[in-house]
N, C-alpha and C. Protein backbone atom coordinates (compact mmCIF):
# COMPACT_ATOMS: atom_id res chain seq x y z
N MET A 1 202.77 135.33 67.23
CA MET A 1 203.24 135.87 68.48
C MET A 1 204.65 135.35 68.77
N PRO A 2 205.50 136.19 69.30
CA PRO A 2 206.86 135.76 69.63
C PRO A 2 206.91 134.92 70.91
N ILE A 3 207.95 134.12 71.01
CA ILE A 3 208.23 133.35 72.21
C ILE A 3 209.34 134.08 72.96
N TYR A 4 209.09 134.38 74.23
CA TYR A 4 210.08 135.06 75.07
C TYR A 4 210.66 134.07 76.06
N GLU A 5 211.95 134.19 76.33
CA GLU A 5 212.64 133.32 77.27
C GLU A 5 212.87 134.08 78.56
N TYR A 6 212.76 133.35 79.69
CA TYR A 6 212.92 133.93 81.01
C TYR A 6 213.81 133.06 81.87
N ASN A 7 214.50 133.68 82.83
CA ASN A 7 215.33 132.98 83.81
C ASN A 7 214.85 133.39 85.20
N CYS A 8 214.64 132.40 86.05
CA CYS A 8 214.19 132.67 87.42
C CYS A 8 215.40 132.94 88.31
N PRO A 9 215.41 134.07 89.03
CA PRO A 9 216.55 134.38 89.89
C PRO A 9 216.57 133.53 91.16
N LYS A 10 215.44 132.94 91.53
CA LYS A 10 215.37 132.16 92.78
C LYS A 10 215.75 130.70 92.57
N CYS A 11 215.05 130.00 91.68
CA CYS A 11 215.30 128.56 91.51
C CYS A 11 216.16 128.26 90.28
N LYS A 12 216.54 129.29 89.53
CA LYS A 12 217.44 129.18 88.37
C LYS A 12 216.85 128.40 87.20
N SER A 13 215.55 128.18 87.19
CA SER A 13 214.95 127.49 86.04
C SER A 13 214.79 128.47 84.88
N SER A 14 214.73 127.93 83.68
CA SER A 14 214.49 128.71 82.47
C SER A 14 213.17 128.26 81.89
N PHE A 15 212.41 129.20 81.32
CA PHE A 15 211.13 128.86 80.72
C PHE A 15 210.82 129.83 79.61
N GLU A 16 209.87 129.45 78.77
CA GLU A 16 209.46 130.28 77.63
C GLU A 16 207.98 130.60 77.75
N LEU A 17 207.60 131.77 77.25
CA LEU A 17 206.20 132.17 77.19
C LEU A 17 205.88 132.69 75.80
N LEU A 18 204.77 132.25 75.27
CA LEU A 18 204.26 132.76 74.00
C LEU A 18 203.34 133.91 74.35
N ARG A 19 203.73 135.14 73.99
CA ARG A 19 202.92 136.31 74.33
C ARG A 19 203.00 137.34 73.21
N SER A 20 202.00 138.19 73.19
CA SER A 20 201.99 139.25 72.18
C SER A 20 203.09 140.25 72.48
N MET A 21 203.45 141.04 71.48
CA MET A 21 204.49 142.05 71.68
C MET A 21 204.05 143.10 72.69
N ASN A 22 202.74 143.33 72.80
CA ASN A 22 202.23 144.27 73.80
C ASN A 22 202.49 143.79 75.22
N GLU A 23 202.61 142.48 75.40
CA GLU A 23 202.84 141.90 76.73
C GLU A 23 204.31 141.61 77.00
N SER A 24 205.20 142.00 76.11
CA SER A 24 206.61 141.62 76.23
C SER A 24 207.26 142.10 77.53
N ASN A 25 206.81 143.20 78.08
CA ASN A 25 207.39 143.72 79.32
C ASN A 25 206.54 143.44 80.55
N ALA A 26 205.46 142.68 80.38
CA ALA A 26 204.61 142.33 81.52
C ALA A 26 205.34 141.35 82.42
N GLU A 27 204.98 141.34 83.69
CA GLU A 27 205.61 140.43 84.64
C GLU A 27 205.42 138.97 84.21
N ALA A 28 206.47 138.20 84.37
CA ALA A 28 206.42 136.76 84.07
C ALA A 28 206.82 136.02 85.33
N ARG A 29 205.95 135.17 85.82
CA ARG A 29 206.23 134.40 87.03
C ARG A 29 206.72 133.01 86.68
N CYS A 30 207.71 132.56 87.39
CA CYS A 30 208.29 131.24 87.19
C CYS A 30 207.23 130.16 87.43
N PRO A 31 207.09 129.20 86.51
CA PRO A 31 206.10 128.14 86.70
C PRO A 31 206.49 127.15 87.79
N VAL A 32 207.75 127.16 88.25
CA VAL A 32 208.21 126.24 89.29
C VAL A 32 207.99 126.82 90.68
N CYS A 33 208.43 128.08 90.89
CA CYS A 33 208.37 128.65 92.25
C CYS A 33 207.56 129.94 92.34
N ASN A 34 206.97 130.37 91.23
CA ASN A 34 206.10 131.55 91.19
C ASN A 34 206.80 132.88 91.49
N THR A 35 208.11 132.94 91.30
CA THR A 35 208.88 134.16 91.52
C THR A 35 208.88 135.00 90.25
N PRO A 36 208.75 136.34 90.36
CA PRO A 36 208.88 137.18 89.16
C PRO A 36 210.27 136.94 88.53
N SER A 37 210.28 136.74 87.21
CA SER A 37 211.51 136.34 86.53
C SER A 37 211.96 137.37 85.50
N ASN A 38 213.22 137.25 85.12
CA ASN A 38 213.85 138.20 84.20
C ASN A 38 213.81 137.68 82.77
N LYS A 39 213.51 138.58 81.84
CA LYS A 39 213.54 138.22 80.43
C LYS A 39 214.99 138.00 80.03
N ALA A 40 215.24 136.92 79.32
CA ALA A 40 216.60 136.57 78.90
C ALA A 40 216.84 137.05 77.48
N LEU A 41 218.09 137.36 77.19
CA LEU A 41 218.48 137.64 75.82
C LEU A 41 218.65 136.30 75.14
N SER A 42 218.09 136.14 73.98
CA SER A 42 218.17 134.85 73.31
C SER A 42 218.74 135.01 71.92
N ARG A 43 219.30 133.90 71.41
CA ARG A 43 219.84 133.85 70.06
C ARG A 43 218.94 132.98 69.22
N PHE A 44 218.95 133.23 67.97
CA PHE A 44 218.25 132.34 67.07
C PHE A 44 219.25 131.88 66.01
N ALA A 45 218.95 130.74 65.44
CA ALA A 45 219.84 130.19 64.42
C ALA A 45 219.16 130.27 63.06
N CYS A 46 219.94 130.58 62.06
CA CYS A 46 219.41 130.67 60.71
C CYS A 46 220.34 129.86 59.81
N TYR A 47 219.78 128.89 59.12
CA TYR A 47 220.57 128.03 58.26
C TYR A 47 220.07 128.07 56.82
N THR A 48 220.98 127.87 55.90
CA THR A 48 220.62 127.77 54.48
C THR A 48 221.21 126.49 53.92
N LYS A 49 220.71 126.08 52.77
CA LYS A 49 221.27 124.93 52.08
C LYS A 49 221.78 125.39 50.72
N ASP A 50 222.96 124.90 50.35
CA ASP A 50 223.48 125.24 49.03
C ASP A 50 222.85 124.31 47.99
N ASN A 51 223.25 124.44 46.74
CA ASN A 51 222.66 123.64 45.65
C ASN A 51 222.84 122.14 45.84
N SER A 52 223.88 121.74 46.57
CA SER A 52 224.10 120.31 46.80
C SER A 52 223.36 119.79 48.03
N GLY A 53 222.66 120.68 48.74
CA GLY A 53 221.89 120.26 49.91
C GLY A 53 222.64 120.34 51.22
N VAL A 54 223.86 120.88 51.21
CA VAL A 54 224.66 121.00 52.43
C VAL A 54 224.15 122.19 53.23
N SER A 55 223.87 121.97 54.51
CA SER A 55 223.35 123.01 55.39
C SER A 55 224.50 123.76 56.04
N SER A 56 224.39 125.09 56.12
CA SER A 56 225.38 125.89 56.82
C SER A 56 224.69 127.08 57.46
N SER A 57 225.34 127.61 58.51
CA SER A 57 224.76 128.75 59.21
C SER A 57 224.97 130.02 58.41
N VAL A 58 224.09 130.98 58.63
CA VAL A 58 224.18 132.27 57.95
C VAL A 58 224.89 133.24 58.88
N GLY A 59 225.89 133.92 58.36
CA GLY A 59 226.56 134.96 59.14
C GLY A 59 227.54 134.46 60.16
N GLY A 60 228.07 133.27 60.03
CA GLY A 60 229.06 132.81 60.98
C GLY A 60 229.34 131.34 60.83
N SER A 61 230.05 130.81 61.81
CA SER A 61 230.37 129.39 61.77
C SER A 61 229.19 128.58 62.26
N GLY A 62 229.36 127.28 62.37
CA GLY A 62 228.29 126.38 62.78
C GLY A 62 227.81 126.66 64.19
N CYS A 63 227.22 125.66 64.79
CA CYS A 63 226.64 125.82 66.13
C CYS A 63 227.72 126.13 67.15
N SER A 64 227.31 126.58 68.31
CA SER A 64 228.28 126.96 69.33
C SER A 64 228.98 125.75 69.94
N GLY A 65 228.46 124.54 69.70
CA GLY A 65 229.05 123.34 70.26
C GLY A 65 230.23 122.80 69.49
N CYS A 66 230.55 123.37 68.33
CA CYS A 66 231.67 122.85 67.54
C CYS A 66 232.31 124.00 66.78
N SER A 67 233.41 123.69 66.11
CA SER A 67 234.09 124.72 65.34
C SER A 67 233.94 124.51 63.85
N ALA A 68 233.03 123.64 63.43
CA ALA A 68 232.83 123.36 62.01
C ALA A 68 232.19 124.54 61.32
N SER A 69 232.41 124.64 60.02
CA SER A 69 231.80 125.72 59.26
C SER A 69 230.43 125.35 58.75
N ASN A 70 230.06 124.05 58.82
CA ASN A 70 228.70 123.65 58.47
C ASN A 70 228.28 122.50 59.38
N CYS A 71 227.00 122.35 59.55
CA CYS A 71 226.49 121.38 60.52
C CYS A 71 226.51 119.95 59.99
N GLY A 72 226.83 119.77 58.71
CA GLY A 72 226.93 118.43 58.18
C GLY A 72 228.08 117.64 58.81
N SER A 73 229.10 118.35 59.27
CA SER A 73 230.26 117.66 59.84
C SER A 73 230.09 117.29 61.30
N CYS A 74 229.16 117.93 62.00
CA CYS A 74 228.98 117.60 63.42
C CYS A 74 227.62 116.98 63.71
N GLY A 75 226.76 116.85 62.71
CA GLY A 75 225.51 116.14 62.87
C GLY A 75 224.35 116.96 63.39
N HIS A 76 224.49 118.27 63.49
CA HIS A 76 223.37 119.09 63.97
C HIS A 76 222.53 119.62 62.85
């Protein structure tokens, strides 16, 4: 089952729910204030290792927190 991310418009908290794809558009209430919340667009990271064991991101540069081309240089 996929994990969906949500943002609460009232208290601004973020939370995740593990739900089936059939439930992906069902109402999700904030666990903090019980307000109906909006599904967030989320990113996922995909990394590979070369023959020497160096990890790098697929399809772009490293994490959004740095400008390195691989995560070995920034420790992520």
